[in-house]
Amino acid sequence: MPMVIIEGPKADVETKRELVKRITEVIREVYKVHHVSVIIHENETENVGSDGELLSDIIARRRG
């Protein structure tokens, strides 16, 4: 059984449903299997760094 782990930003439950549904469809099509597990790890932007900066700071700078 394939397992997909997603590391991403916080999302509402509808977004998670859509994500799990669509990823499952692709995995089933490619692997020709029925059972697929999807795990979503949500990360606060203050816990993610990119190019030496916190993602929360990058987003704040873009908005401001």
N, C-alpha and C. Protein backbone atom coordinates (compact mmCIF):
# COMPACT_ATOMS: atom_id res chain seq x y z
N MET A 1 0.84 -1.17 0.00
CA MET A 1 0.00 0.00 0.00
C MET A 1 0.89 1.24 0.00
N PRO A 2 0.76 2.09 -1.00
CA PRO A 2 1.53 3.34 -1.03
C PRO A 2 1.10 4.28 0.09
N MET A 3 2.08 5.01 0.60
CA MET A 3 1.81 6.03 1.61
C MET A 3 2.44 7.34 1.13
N VAL A 4 1.65 8.39 1.14
CA VAL A 4 2.11 9.71 0.72
C VAL A 4 2.09 10.61 1.95
N ILE A 5 3.20 11.29 2.19
CA ILE A 5 3.28 12.24 3.30
C ILE A 5 3.44 13.64 2.72
N ILE A 6 2.57 14.53 3.11
CA ILE A 6 2.59 15.90 2.61
C ILE A 6 3.01 16.83 3.73
N GLU A 7 4.01 17.63 3.48
CA GLU A 7 4.44 18.68 4.40
C GLU A 7 3.98 19.99 3.79
N GLY A 8 3.13 20.71 4.49
CA GLY A 8 2.62 21.94 3.89
C GLY A 8 2.05 22.89 4.93
N PRO A 9 1.48 23.97 4.45
CA PRO A 9 0.91 24.97 5.34
C PRO A 9 -0.41 24.50 5.94
N LYS A 10 -0.86 25.19 6.97
CA LYS A 10 -2.18 24.90 7.55
C LYS A 10 -3.23 25.08 6.47
N ALA A 11 -4.26 24.22 6.52
CA ALA A 11 -5.32 24.29 5.53
C ALA A 11 -6.64 23.93 6.20
N ASP A 12 -7.74 24.41 5.61
CA ASP A 12 -9.05 24.06 6.15
C ASP A 12 -9.41 22.64 5.73
N VAL A 13 -10.42 22.09 6.35
CA VAL A 13 -10.77 20.68 6.13
C VAL A 13 -11.21 20.43 4.69
N GLU A 14 -11.87 21.37 4.04
CA GLU A 14 -12.27 21.18 2.64
C GLU A 14 -11.05 21.08 1.73
N THR A 15 -10.06 21.89 1.97
CA THR A 15 -8.82 21.82 1.19
C THR A 15 -8.14 20.48 1.38
N LYS A 16 -8.11 19.99 2.62
CA LYS A 16 -7.50 18.69 2.91
C LYS A 16 -8.26 17.56 2.22
N ARG A 17 -9.58 17.63 2.24
CA ARG A 17 -10.39 16.60 1.55
C ARG A 17 -10.05 16.54 0.07
N GLU A 18 -10.00 17.69 -0.55
CA GLU A 18 -9.69 17.76 -1.98
C GLU A 18 -8.28 17.24 -2.26
N LEU A 19 -7.33 17.63 -1.44
CA LEU A 19 -5.95 17.19 -1.61
C LEU A 19 -5.84 15.68 -1.49
N VAL A 20 -6.44 15.10 -0.46
CA VAL A 20 -6.39 13.65 -0.25
C VAL A 20 -7.08 12.92 -1.41
N LYS A 21 -8.22 13.43 -1.84
CA LYS A 21 -8.95 12.80 -2.94
C LYS A 21 -8.14 12.77 -4.22
N ARG A 22 -7.58 13.92 -4.59
CA ARG A 22 -6.87 14.01 -5.87
C ARG A 22 -5.55 13.24 -5.85
N ILE A 23 -4.84 13.31 -4.75
CA ILE A 23 -3.58 12.56 -4.66
C ILE A 23 -3.86 11.06 -4.69
N THR A 24 -4.90 10.63 -3.99
CA THR A 24 -5.28 9.21 -4.01
C THR A 24 -5.61 8.75 -5.42
N GLU A 25 -6.35 9.56 -6.16
CA GLU A 25 -6.71 9.20 -7.54
C GLU A 25 -5.47 8.99 -8.40
N VAL A 26 -4.51 9.87 -8.28
CA VAL A 26 -3.29 9.75 -9.09
C VAL A 26 -2.48 8.51 -8.70
N ILE A 27 -2.32 8.29 -7.40
CA ILE A 27 -1.56 7.13 -6.94
C ILE A 27 -2.23 5.84 -7.41
N ARG A 28 -3.55 5.76 -7.29
CA ARG A 28 -4.27 4.57 -7.75
C ARG A 28 -4.06 4.33 -9.24
N GLU A 29 -4.13 5.40 -10.02
CA GLU A 29 -3.97 5.29 -11.46
C GLU A 29 -2.57 4.81 -11.83
N VAL A 30 -1.57 5.38 -11.20
CA VAL A 30 -0.18 5.07 -11.55
C VAL A 30 0.24 3.70 -11.03
N TYR A 31 -0.07 3.40 -9.77
CA TYR A 31 0.36 2.14 -9.15
C TYR A 31 -0.60 0.98 -9.39
N LYS A 32 -1.79 1.27 -9.89
CA LYS A 32 -2.79 0.23 -10.12
C LYS A 32 -3.12 -0.51 -8.82
N VAL A 33 -3.34 0.25 -7.75
CA VAL A 33 -3.69 -0.31 -6.45
C VAL A 33 -4.98 0.35 -5.96
N HIS A 34 -5.56 -0.24 -4.93
CA HIS A 34 -6.79 0.34 -4.39
C HIS A 34 -6.53 1.12 -3.10
N HIS A 35 -5.73 0.56 -2.20
CA HIS A 35 -5.50 1.19 -0.89
C HIS A 35 -4.34 2.18 -0.96
N VAL A 36 -4.60 3.40 -0.53
CA VAL A 36 -3.60 4.47 -0.50
C VAL A 36 -3.77 5.22 0.82
N SER A 37 -2.67 5.49 1.49
CA SER A 37 -2.71 6.30 2.71
C SER A 37 -2.06 7.65 2.44
N VAL A 38 -2.69 8.70 2.95
CA VAL A 38 -2.16 10.06 2.81
C VAL A 38 -2.09 10.67 4.20
N ILE A 39 -0.92 11.15 4.57
CA ILE A 39 -0.72 11.81 5.85
C ILE A 39 -0.36 13.27 5.58
N ILE A 40 -1.06 14.17 6.25
CA ILE A 40 -0.79 15.60 6.08
C ILE A 40 -0.15 16.14 7.35
N HIS A 41 1.05 16.66 7.21
CA HIS A 41 1.73 17.35 8.32
C HIS A 41 1.61 18.84 8.05
N GLU A 42 0.92 19.54 8.92
CA GLU A 42 0.77 20.98 8.76
C GLU A 42 1.88 21.70 9.52
N ASN A 43 2.44 22.70 8.87
CA ASN A 43 3.55 23.45 9.46
C ASN A 43 3.21 24.93 9.52
N GLU A 44 3.39 25.50 10.69
CA GLU A 44 3.23 26.95 10.83
C GLU A 44 4.36 27.63 10.05
N THR A 45 4.06 28.76 9.45
CA THR A 45 5.08 29.45 8.65
C THR A 45 6.28 29.88 9.50
N GLU A 46 6.09 30.05 10.80
CA GLU A 46 7.22 30.43 11.66
C GLU A 46 8.12 29.24 11.97
N ASN A 47 7.72 28.04 11.53
CA ASN A 47 8.52 26.84 11.74
C ASN A 47 9.17 26.34 10.46
N VAL A 48 9.11 27.16 9.41
CA VAL A 48 9.68 26.77 8.12
C VAL A 48 10.67 27.84 7.69
N GLY A 49 11.86 27.41 7.27
CA GLY A 49 12.86 28.35 6.79
C GLY A 49 13.12 28.14 5.31
N SER A 50 13.43 29.21 4.62
CA SER A 50 13.77 29.17 3.21
C SER A 50 14.88 30.17 2.95
N ASP A 51 15.99 29.70 2.43
CA ASP A 51 17.13 30.57 2.11
C ASP A 51 17.57 31.41 3.30
N GLY A 52 17.56 30.81 4.48
CA GLY A 52 18.06 31.49 5.67
C GLY A 52 17.08 32.40 6.38
N GLU A 53 15.83 32.39 5.96
CA GLU A 53 14.82 33.24 6.59
C GLU A 53 13.60 32.41 6.96
N LEU A 54 12.88 32.86 7.99
CA LEU A 54 11.62 32.22 8.32
C LEU A 54 10.59 32.55 7.25
N LEU A 55 9.80 31.55 6.91
CA LEU A 55 8.77 31.77 5.91
C LEU A 55 7.78 32.85 6.36
N SER A 56 7.49 32.92 7.65
CA SER A 56 6.59 33.96 8.16
C SER A 56 7.13 35.36 7.86
N ASP A 57 8.44 35.54 7.96
CA ASP A 57 9.05 36.84 7.66
C ASP A 57 8.99 37.15 6.17
N ILE A 58 9.20 36.16 5.35
CA ILE A 58 9.15 36.35 3.89
C ILE A 58 7.74 36.76 3.49
N ILE A 59 6.73 36.08 4.01
CA ILE A 59 5.35 36.40 3.69
C ILE A 59 4.98 37.79 4.17
N ALA A 60 5.39 38.14 5.39
CA ALA A 60 5.10 39.47 5.93
C ALA A 60 5.72 40.56 5.06
N ARG A 61 6.93 40.34 4.60
CA ARG A 61 7.62 41.33 3.76
C ARG A 61 6.89 41.51 2.43
N ARG A 62 6.41 40.42 1.85
CA ARG A 62 5.70 40.50 0.57
C ARG A 62 4.37 41.23 0.70
N ARG A 63 3.73 41.08 1.84
CA ARG A 63 2.44 41.74 2.07
C ARG A 63 2.59 43.21 2.41
N GLY A 64 3.74 43.54 2.99
CA GLY A 64 3.89 44.89 3.52
C GLY A 64 4.57 45.81 2.64
